[in-house]
C-alpha cells in the first residue's frame, strides 16, 4: 500500500521560508521520480518542482526557480521542498507525488499522491 504523507505547511509572511516534507511508505523515493505540485483556488494543479530517479536532475516552474529547491533523502525515504522568499502568489495546497516514470511533468505522469498540505503566504 503506497502512501505519501506531506507535512510542514502553514502560515508564513511574505519573504519567509517553509520546508515541506514528503514521507513515502510502500515505495522507495530512490526508485521514483518525485514531484511537488500546487493548486490554488480556481486554478489547475501544476507542477512546481520535480526530481528524476537515478540522475536526480531537478526541474522547476519558472515562477519558483531560484526560490524553491527539491531534495531527496534516500536513507529517510523522504523528499523535501525548501521554499524561500515566499510570495503571496505561492499560496496553495501543495501535493507530493511519485511517478513510476523516469521523469514526469504533468499530473497524469504521477501515479501516487499525498493528501496535500496548505501553504498560506500573507502580505
C-alpha atoms as a PDB file:
ATOM      1  CA  UNK A   1       0.000   0.000   0.000  1.00  0.00           C
ATOM      2  CA  UNK A   2       1.758   3.125  -1.240  1.00  0.00           C
ATOM      3  CA  UNK A   3       1.242   6.239   0.821  1.00  0.00           C
ATOM      4  CA  UNK A   4       2.730   9.708   0.628  1.00  0.00           C
ATOM      5  CA  UNK A   5       2.382  11.994   3.617  1.00  0.00           C
ATOM      6  CA  UNK A   6       3.122  15.695   3.375  1.00  0.00           C
ATOM      7  CA  UNK A   7       3.899  17.930   6.307  1.00  0.00           C
ATOM      8  CA  UNK A   8       5.375  21.331   7.005  1.00  0.00           C
ATOM      9  CA  UNK A   9       2.737  23.618   5.594  1.00  0.00           C
ATOM     10  CA  UNK A  10       1.419  26.610   7.442  1.00  0.00           C
ATOM     11  CA  UNK A  11       1.049  30.360   7.509  1.00  0.00           C
ATOM     12  CA  UNK A  12       4.076  32.493   6.759  1.00  0.00           C
ATOM     13  CA  UNK A  13       4.669  36.135   5.946  1.00  0.00           C
ATOM     14  CA  UNK A  14       5.938  37.202   2.561  1.00  0.00           C
ATOM     15  CA  UNK A  15       9.682  36.793   2.356  1.00  0.00           C
ATOM     16  CA  UNK A  16       9.693  33.943   4.817  1.00  0.00           C
ATOM     17  CA  UNK A  17      10.576  30.298   4.347  1.00  0.00           C
ATOM     18  CA  UNK A  18       8.996  26.906   4.796  1.00  0.00           C
ATOM     19  CA  UNK A  19      10.225  23.388   4.293  1.00  0.00           C
ATOM     20  CA  UNK A  20       7.741  20.780   3.190  1.00  0.00           C
ATOM     21  CA  UNK A  21       8.383  17.108   3.770  1.00  0.00           C
ATOM     22  CA  UNK A  22       7.009  14.098   1.951  1.00  0.00           C
ATOM     23  CA  UNK A  23       7.480  10.742   3.627  1.00  0.00           C
ATOM     24  CA  UNK A  24       6.867   7.725   1.427  1.00  0.00           C
ATOM     25  CA  UNK A  25       5.584   4.359   2.565  1.00  0.00           C
ATOM     26  CA  UNK A  26       5.384   1.243   0.454  1.00  0.00           C
ATOM     27  CA  UNK A  27       7.624   2.657  -2.251  1.00  0.00           C
ATOM     28  CA  UNK A  28      11.157   3.973  -2.244  1.00  0.00           C
ATOM     29  CA  UNK A  29      11.715   7.516  -3.411  1.00  0.00           C
ATOM     30  CA  UNK A  30      15.012   6.398  -4.890  1.00  0.00           C
ATOM     31  CA  UNK A  31      13.125   4.319  -7.453  1.00  0.00           C
ATOM     32  CA  UNK A  32      10.697   7.118  -8.255  1.00  0.00           C
ATOM     33  CA  UNK A  33      10.537  10.423  -9.975  1.00  0.00           C
ATOM     34  CA  UNK A  34       9.216  12.679  -7.241  1.00  0.00           C
ATOM     35  CA  UNK A  35       7.290  15.861  -7.777  1.00  0.00           C
ATOM     36  CA  UNK A  36       5.731  18.702  -5.886  1.00  0.00           C
ATOM     37  CA  UNK A  37       2.536  20.197  -7.234  1.00  0.00           C
ATOM     38  CA  UNK A  38       0.396  23.034  -6.024  1.00  0.00           C
ATOM     39  CA  UNK A  39      -3.180  24.038  -6.588  1.00  0.00           C
ATOM     40  CA  UNK A  40      -4.522  27.468  -5.783  1.00  0.00           C
ATOM     41  CA  UNK A  41      -8.237  28.280  -5.657  1.00  0.00           C
ATOM     42  CA  UNK A  42      -9.686  28.465  -9.145  1.00  0.00           C
ATOM     43  CA  UNK A  43      -6.532  27.131 -10.768  1.00  0.00           C
ATOM     44  CA  UNK A  44      -5.411  23.778 -12.064  1.00  0.00           C
ATOM     45  CA  UNK A  45      -2.923  21.651 -10.230  1.00  0.00           C
ATOM     46  CA  UNK A  46       0.513  22.437 -11.600  1.00  0.00           C
ATOM     47  CA  UNK A  47       3.997  21.062 -11.172  1.00  0.00           C
ATOM     48  CA  UNK A  48       6.368  23.304  -9.267  1.00  0.00           C
ATOM     49  CA  UNK A  49       9.363  21.012  -8.853  1.00  0.00           C
ATOM     50  CA  UNK A  50      10.482  17.504  -9.702  1.00  0.00           C
ATOM     51  CA  UNK A  51      13.499  15.310  -9.247  1.00  0.00           C
ATOM     52  CA  UNK A  52      14.247  12.410 -11.552  1.00  0.00           C
ATOM     53  CA  UNK A  53      15.188   8.983 -10.339  1.00  0.00           C
ATOM     54  CA  UNK A  54      18.697   7.828 -11.000  1.00  0.00           C
ATOM     55  CA  UNK A  55      20.427  11.010 -12.050  1.00  0.00           C
ATOM     56  CA  UNK A  56      18.420  13.258  -9.678  1.00  0.00           C
ATOM     57  CA  UNK A  57      18.104  16.015 -12.254  1.00  0.00           C
ATOM     58  CA  UNK A  58      15.741  18.670 -10.955  1.00  0.00           C
ATOM     59  CA  UNK A  59      13.244  20.839 -12.742  1.00  0.00           C
ATOM     60  CA  UNK A  60      11.340  23.907 -11.563  1.00  0.00           C
ATOM     61  CA  UNK A  61       8.484  26.026 -12.705  1.00  0.00           C
ATOM     62  CA  UNK A  62       9.630  29.449 -13.821  1.00  0.00           C
ATOM     63  CA  UNK A  63       7.612  31.084 -11.072  1.00  0.00           C
ATOM     64  CA  UNK A  64       9.603  29.358  -8.323  1.00  0.00           C
ATOM     65  CA  UNK A  65      13.010  28.925  -9.918  1.00  0.00           C
ATOM     66  CA  UNK A  66      15.707  30.316  -7.684  1.00  0.00           C
ATOM     67  CA  UNK A  67      13.448  30.297  -4.649  1.00  0.00           C
ATOM     68  CA  UNK A  68      12.411  26.647  -4.251  1.00  0.00           C
ATOM     69  CA  UNK A  69      14.636  23.604  -4.009  1.00  0.00           C
ATOM     70  CA  UNK A  70      13.585  19.968  -4.167  1.00  0.00           C
ATOM     71  CA  UNK A  71      15.748  17.499  -2.286  1.00  0.00           C
ATOM     72  CA  UNK A  72      15.644  13.755  -1.790  1.00  0.00           C
ATOM     73  CA  UNK A  73      16.980  11.817   1.161  1.00  0.00           C
ATOM     74  CA  UNK A  74      17.015   8.186   0.135  1.00  0.00           C
ATOM     75  CA  UNK A  75      18.063   6.963   3.581  1.00  0.00           C
ATOM     76  CA  UNK A  76      14.962   8.527   5.117  1.00  0.00           C
ATOM     77  CA  UNK A  77      12.795   7.770   2.090  1.00  0.00           C
ATOM     78  CA  UNK A  78      11.708  11.387   2.177  1.00  0.00           C
ATOM     79  CA  UNK A  79      11.533  14.241  -0.299  1.00  0.00           C
ATOM     80  CA  UNK A  80      11.645  17.875   0.735  1.00  0.00           C
ATOM     81  CA  UNK A  81      10.661  21.150  -0.811  1.00  0.00           C
ATOM     82  CA  UNK A  82      12.598  24.076   0.577  1.00  0.00           C
ATOM     83  CA  UNK A  83      10.643  27.244  -0.100  1.00  0.00           C
ATOM     84  CA  UNK A  84      12.438  30.560   0.350  1.00  0.00           C
ATOM     85  CA  UNK A  85      11.414  34.146  -0.258  1.00  0.00           C
ATOM     86  CA  UNK A  86       7.778  33.156  -0.304  1.00  0.00           C
ATOM     87  CA  UNK A  87       5.281  35.367  -2.066  1.00  0.00           C
ATOM     88  CA  UNK A  88       1.516  35.665  -1.642  1.00  0.00           C
ATOM     89  CA  UNK A  89       1.042  34.067  -5.048  1.00  0.00           C
ATOM     90  CA  UNK A  90       2.665  30.917  -3.666  1.00  0.00           C
ATOM     91  CA  UNK A  91      -0.425  30.355  -1.543  1.00  0.00           C
ATOM     92  CA  UNK A  92      -1.859  26.969  -2.460  1.00  0.00           C
ATOM     93  CA  UNK A  93      -2.327  23.412  -1.373  1.00  0.00           C
ATOM     94  CA  UNK A  94       0.926  21.604  -2.043  1.00  0.00           C
ATOM     95  CA  UNK A  95       0.933  17.955  -3.038  1.00  0.00           C
ATOM     96  CA  UNK A  96       3.690  15.411  -3.101  1.00  0.00           C
ATOM     97  CA  UNK A  97       3.558  12.881  -5.914  1.00  0.00           C
ATOM     98  CA  UNK A  98       5.524   9.867  -7.102  1.00  0.00           C
ATOM     99  CA  UNK A  99       5.881   8.628 -10.637  1.00  0.00           C
ATOM    100  CA  UNK A 100       6.921   5.240 -11.923  1.00  0.00           C
ATOM    101  CA  UNK A 101       8.393   7.024 -14.922  1.00  0.00           C
ATOM    102  CA  UNK A 102      11.950   8.214 -15.187  1.00  0.00           C
ATOM    103  CA  UNK A 103      10.627  11.761 -15.303  1.00  0.00           C
ATOM    104  CA  UNK A 104       7.259  13.439 -15.013  1.00  0.00           C
ATOM    105  CA  UNK A 105       5.977  16.852 -15.958  1.00  0.00           C
ATOM    106  CA  UNK A 106       2.185  16.619 -15.722  1.00  0.00           C
ATOM    107  CA  UNK A 107      -0.412  15.409 -13.263  1.00  0.00           C
ATOM    108  CA  UNK A 108      -1.088  12.346 -15.386  1.00  0.00           C
ATOM    109  CA  UNK A 109       2.541  11.263 -15.150  1.00  0.00           C
ATOM    110  CA  UNK A 110       2.220  10.612 -11.417  1.00  0.00           C
ATOM    111  CA  UNK A 111       0.540   7.533 -10.012  1.00  0.00           C
ATOM    112  CA  UNK A 112       0.765   8.215  -6.285  1.00  0.00           C
ATOM    113  CA  UNK A 113      -0.334  11.302  -4.392  1.00  0.00           C
ATOM    114  CA  UNK A 114      -0.336  12.664  -0.903  1.00  0.00           C
ATOM    115  CA  UNK A 115      -3.302  14.392   0.674  1.00  0.00           C
ATOM    116  CA  UNK A 116      -1.800  17.850   0.414  1.00  0.00           C
ATOM    117  CA  UNK A 117      -0.658  20.480   2.861  1.00  0.00           C
ATOM    118  CA  UNK A 118      -1.817  24.084   2.923  1.00  0.00           C
ATOM    119  CA  UNK A 119       0.693  26.878   2.458  1.00  0.00           C
ATOM    120  CA  UNK A 120      -0.564  30.397   3.028  1.00  0.00           C
ATOM    121  CA  UNK A 121       1.651  33.418   2.460  1.00  0.00           C
ATOM    122  CA  UNK A 122       0.434  36.731   3.820  1.00  0.00           C
ATOM    123  CA  UNK A 123       1.462  40.176   2.637  1.00  0.00           C
END
